Amino acid sequence: REKQHDFFARDGSNLLHRAKITLADALCGLQLDVKTLDAKPRILRVNFREPITPTTTKVIAGEGMPKSKSPGERGDLIISFD
């Protein structure tokens, strides 16, 4: 059984990240730092220059979980907003 994580949810090999942002950031854009779950954690810096709506999502290819049936391939990291 999979443990719940504070920042990520899993959908197959994709990781879902829901970021909480302020109204000012939603209107003006922001730079979002997302810590990865790799064995050696990294910080992904994602820039949003356009206004963000509740339906805005950003897909970062290849930054999700490893695909069990395709060694060497990874799912995507999908960022959405509250």
N, C-alpha and C. Protein backbone atom coordinates (compact mmCIF):
# COMPACT_ATOMS: atom_id res chain seq x y z
N ARG A 1 0.84 -1.19 0.00
CA ARG A 1 0.00 0.00 0.00
C ARG A 1 0.88 1.24 0.00
N GLU A 2 0.46 2.21 -0.74
CA GLU A 2 1.23 3.44 -0.92
C GLU A 2 0.89 4.45 0.18
N LYS A 3 1.94 5.08 0.74
CA LYS A 3 1.75 6.10 1.77
C LYS A 3 1.36 7.42 1.13
N GLN A 4 0.54 8.20 1.85
CA GLN A 4 0.20 9.53 1.37
C GLN A 4 1.41 10.45 1.57
N HIS A 5 1.56 11.38 0.65
CA HIS A 5 2.66 12.34 0.70
C HIS A 5 2.09 13.72 0.93
N ASP A 6 2.84 14.60 1.59
CA ASP A 6 2.36 15.95 1.90
C ASP A 6 2.17 16.81 0.65
N PHE A 7 2.97 16.60 -0.39
CA PHE A 7 2.94 17.50 -1.55
C PHE A 7 2.53 16.83 -2.86
N PHE A 8 2.61 15.51 -2.94
CA PHE A 8 2.35 14.82 -4.20
C PHE A 8 1.28 13.76 -4.03
N ALA A 9 0.56 13.51 -5.14
CA ALA A 9 -0.34 12.36 -5.24
C ALA A 9 0.12 11.62 -6.50
N ARG A 10 -0.18 10.35 -6.56
CA ARG A 10 0.26 9.56 -7.71
C ARG A 10 -0.93 9.18 -8.57
N ASP A 11 -0.75 9.26 -9.88
CA ASP A 11 -1.74 8.81 -10.84
C ASP A 11 -1.00 7.97 -11.86
N GLY A 12 -0.92 6.66 -11.60
CA GLY A 12 -0.09 5.79 -12.43
C GLY A 12 1.36 6.18 -12.24
N SER A 13 2.05 6.50 -13.33
CA SER A 13 3.45 6.92 -13.22
C SER A 13 3.58 8.44 -13.17
N ASN A 14 2.46 9.15 -13.20
CA ASN A 14 2.49 10.62 -13.10
C ASN A 14 2.41 11.05 -11.65
N LEU A 15 3.07 12.15 -11.33
CA LEU A 15 2.97 12.76 -10.01
C LEU A 15 2.14 14.03 -10.14
N LEU A 16 1.19 14.21 -9.23
CA LEU A 16 0.33 15.39 -9.21
C LEU A 16 0.75 16.26 -8.05
N HIS A 17 0.99 17.53 -8.31
CA HIS A 17 1.39 18.48 -7.27
C HIS A 17 0.40 19.64 -7.29
N ARG A 18 -0.21 19.92 -6.15
CA ARG A 18 -1.17 21.02 -6.04
C ARG A 18 -0.52 22.12 -5.21
N ALA A 19 -0.23 23.24 -5.85
CA ALA A 19 0.46 24.35 -5.19
C ALA A 19 -0.55 25.37 -4.67
N LYS A 20 -0.34 25.83 -3.45
CA LYS A 20 -1.15 26.90 -2.88
C LYS A 20 -0.42 28.22 -3.15
N ILE A 21 -1.12 29.15 -3.81
CA ILE A 21 -0.50 30.43 -4.15
C ILE A 21 -1.43 31.58 -3.72
N THR A 22 -0.85 32.76 -3.63
CA THR A 22 -1.63 33.94 -3.26
C THR A 22 -2.33 34.52 -4.49
N LEU A 23 -3.30 35.37 -4.25
CA LEU A 23 -3.98 36.04 -5.34
C LEU A 23 -3.00 36.90 -6.14
N ALA A 24 -2.10 37.58 -5.45
CA ALA A 24 -1.10 38.41 -6.14
C ALA A 24 -0.25 37.57 -7.08
N ASP A 25 0.19 36.39 -6.62
CA ASP A 25 0.98 35.51 -7.49
C ASP A 25 0.15 35.01 -8.67
N ALA A 26 -1.12 34.71 -8.43
CA ALA A 26 -1.99 34.23 -9.50
C ALA A 26 -2.17 35.29 -10.59
N LEU A 27 -2.24 36.55 -10.18
CA LEU A 27 -2.46 37.62 -11.15
C LEU A 27 -1.18 38.07 -11.84
N CYS A 28 -0.07 38.04 -11.13
CA CYS A 28 1.18 38.61 -11.65
C CYS A 28 2.17 37.56 -12.17
N GLY A 29 1.92 36.29 -11.89
CA GLY A 29 2.87 35.24 -12.25
C GLY A 29 3.80 34.97 -11.09
N LEU A 30 4.51 33.88 -11.16
CA LEU A 30 5.41 33.52 -10.07
C LEU A 30 6.46 32.54 -10.53
N GLN A 31 7.42 32.34 -9.68
CA GLN A 31 8.46 31.34 -9.87
C GLN A 31 8.21 30.30 -8.77
N LEU A 32 7.93 29.07 -9.16
CA LEU A 32 7.58 28.01 -8.21
C LEU A 32 8.73 27.01 -8.14
N ASP A 33 9.21 26.73 -6.94
CA ASP A 33 10.25 25.72 -6.74
C ASP A 33 9.59 24.45 -6.22
N VAL A 34 9.83 23.34 -6.92
CA VAL A 34 9.25 22.05 -6.54
C VAL A 34 10.39 21.08 -6.28
N LYS A 35 10.43 20.53 -5.08
CA LYS A 35 11.46 19.56 -4.71
C LYS A 35 11.07 18.19 -5.26
N THR A 36 11.98 17.54 -5.96
CA THR A 36 11.69 16.24 -6.56
C THR A 36 11.80 15.12 -5.52
N LEU A 37 11.34 13.93 -5.90
CA LEU A 37 11.39 12.77 -5.02
C LEU A 37 12.53 11.83 -5.37
N ASP A 38 13.45 12.28 -6.20
CA ASP A 38 14.58 11.43 -6.62
C ASP A 38 15.42 11.00 -5.42
N ALA A 39 16.23 9.97 -5.63
CA ALA A 39 17.14 9.51 -4.57
C ALA A 39 18.04 10.66 -4.12
N LYS A 40 18.47 11.47 -5.06
CA LYS A 40 19.22 12.69 -4.74
C LYS A 40 18.29 13.85 -5.11
N PRO A 41 17.56 14.39 -4.11
CA PRO A 41 16.55 15.42 -4.42
C PRO A 41 17.12 16.63 -5.15
N ARG A 42 16.31 17.14 -6.08
CA ARG A 42 16.65 18.34 -6.83
C ARG A 42 15.50 19.33 -6.68
N ILE A 43 15.76 20.56 -7.02
CA ILE A 43 14.72 21.58 -7.03
C ILE A 43 14.43 21.94 -8.49
N LEU A 44 13.17 21.79 -8.90
CA LEU A 44 12.75 22.23 -10.23
C LEU A 44 12.20 23.63 -10.09
N ARG A 45 12.73 24.56 -10.82
CA ARG A 45 12.25 25.93 -10.80
C ARG A 45 11.36 26.12 -12.03
N VAL A 46 10.07 26.39 -11.79
CA VAL A 46 9.09 26.51 -12.86
C VAL A 46 8.56 27.95 -12.86
N ASN A 47 8.66 28.61 -14.01
CA ASN A 47 8.22 30.00 -14.13
C ASN A 47 6.84 30.07 -14.76
N PHE A 48 5.99 30.90 -14.17
CA PHE A 48 4.66 31.18 -14.70
C PHE A 48 4.59 32.69 -14.93
N ARG A 49 4.57 33.11 -16.18
CA ARG A 49 4.57 34.53 -16.50
C ARG A 49 3.17 35.07 -16.77
N GLU A 50 2.25 34.19 -17.09
CA GLU A 50 0.87 34.58 -17.38
C GLU A 50 0.02 34.44 -16.12
N PRO A 51 -1.13 35.13 -16.07
CA PRO A 51 -2.04 34.95 -14.93
C PRO A 51 -2.46 33.48 -14.80
N ILE A 52 -2.64 33.04 -13.56
CA ILE A 52 -2.98 31.65 -13.26
C ILE A 52 -4.44 31.58 -12.84
N THR A 53 -5.18 30.66 -13.44
CA THR A 53 -6.59 30.44 -13.09
C THR A 53 -6.69 29.12 -12.34
N PRO A 54 -7.85 28.84 -11.74
CA PRO A 54 -8.01 27.55 -11.04
C PRO A 54 -7.86 26.34 -11.96
N THR A 55 -7.99 26.54 -13.27
CA THR A 55 -7.85 25.40 -14.19
C THR A 55 -6.46 25.32 -14.83
N THR A 56 -5.57 26.23 -14.48
CA THR A 56 -4.21 26.22 -15.04
C THR A 56 -3.46 24.98 -14.56
N THR A 57 -2.83 24.28 -15.50
CA THR A 57 -1.94 23.17 -15.16
C THR A 57 -0.66 23.31 -15.98
N LYS A 58 0.40 22.76 -15.46
CA LYS A 58 1.70 22.76 -16.15
C LYS A 58 2.21 21.32 -16.09
N VAL A 59 2.56 20.76 -17.22
CA VAL A 59 3.08 19.40 -17.30
C VAL A 59 4.57 19.47 -17.56
N ILE A 60 5.34 18.81 -16.69
CA ILE A 60 6.78 18.74 -16.86
C ILE A 60 7.11 17.29 -17.20
N ALA A 61 7.42 17.06 -18.45
CA ALA A 61 7.64 15.71 -18.96
C ALA A 61 8.85 15.05 -18.31
N GLY A 62 8.68 13.76 -17.98
CA GLY A 62 9.79 12.96 -17.48
C GLY A 62 10.20 13.20 -16.05
N GLU A 63 9.39 13.94 -15.26
CA GLU A 63 9.74 14.22 -13.86
C GLU A 63 8.83 13.49 -12.88
N GLY A 64 8.08 12.51 -13.36
CA GLY A 64 7.21 11.71 -12.49
C GLY A 64 7.91 10.47 -11.98
N MET A 65 7.12 9.44 -11.68
CA MET A 65 7.65 8.17 -11.17
C MET A 65 8.16 7.30 -12.33
N PRO A 66 9.10 6.41 -12.04
CA PRO A 66 9.57 5.49 -13.09
C PRO A 66 8.42 4.60 -13.57
N LYS A 67 8.41 4.30 -14.86
CA LYS A 67 7.38 3.41 -15.43
C LYS A 67 7.85 1.98 -15.24
N SER A 68 7.02 1.18 -14.59
CA SER A 68 7.42 -0.19 -14.24
C SER A 68 7.62 -1.08 -15.47
N LYS A 69 6.87 -0.85 -16.52
CA LYS A 69 6.97 -1.71 -17.71
C LYS A 69 7.91 -1.16 -18.78
N SER A 70 8.47 0.02 -18.53
CA SER A 70 9.39 0.64 -19.48
C SER A 70 10.59 1.19 -18.73
N PRO A 71 11.57 0.34 -18.42
CA PRO A 71 12.74 0.82 -17.68
C PRO A 71 13.39 2.02 -18.38
N GLY A 72 13.81 2.98 -17.58
CA GLY A 72 14.45 4.17 -18.13
C GLY A 72 13.48 5.29 -18.48
N GLU A 73 12.18 4.99 -18.50
CA GLU A 73 11.19 6.01 -18.80
C GLU A 73 10.49 6.43 -17.52
N ARG A 74 10.03 7.68 -17.50
CA ARG A 74 9.33 8.21 -16.31
C ARG A 74 8.04 8.88 -16.75
N GLY A 75 7.11 8.95 -15.80
CA GLY A 75 5.87 9.69 -16.03
C GLY A 75 6.14 11.17 -15.94
N ASP A 76 5.07 11.95 -15.90
CA ASP A 76 5.18 13.41 -15.88
C ASP A 76 4.85 13.96 -14.50
N LEU A 77 5.31 15.16 -14.24
CA LEU A 77 4.92 15.92 -13.06
C LEU A 77 3.87 16.92 -13.54
N ILE A 78 2.69 16.88 -12.91
CA ILE A 78 1.59 17.76 -13.30
C ILE A 78 1.29 18.71 -12.15
N ILE A 79 1.48 20.01 -12.39
CA ILE A 79 1.28 21.02 -11.35
C ILE A 79 -0.06 21.71 -11.59
N SER A 80 -0.87 21.80 -10.54
CA SER A 80 -2.11 22.57 -10.59
C SER A 80 -2.14 23.46 -9.36
N PHE A 81 -3.18 24.31 -9.25
CA PHE A 81 -3.16 25.37 -8.24
C PHE A 81 -4.43 25.44 -7.42
N ASP A 82 -4.27 25.86 -6.15
CA ASP A 82 -5.38 26.18 -5.24
C ASP A 82 -5.42 27.67 -5.07
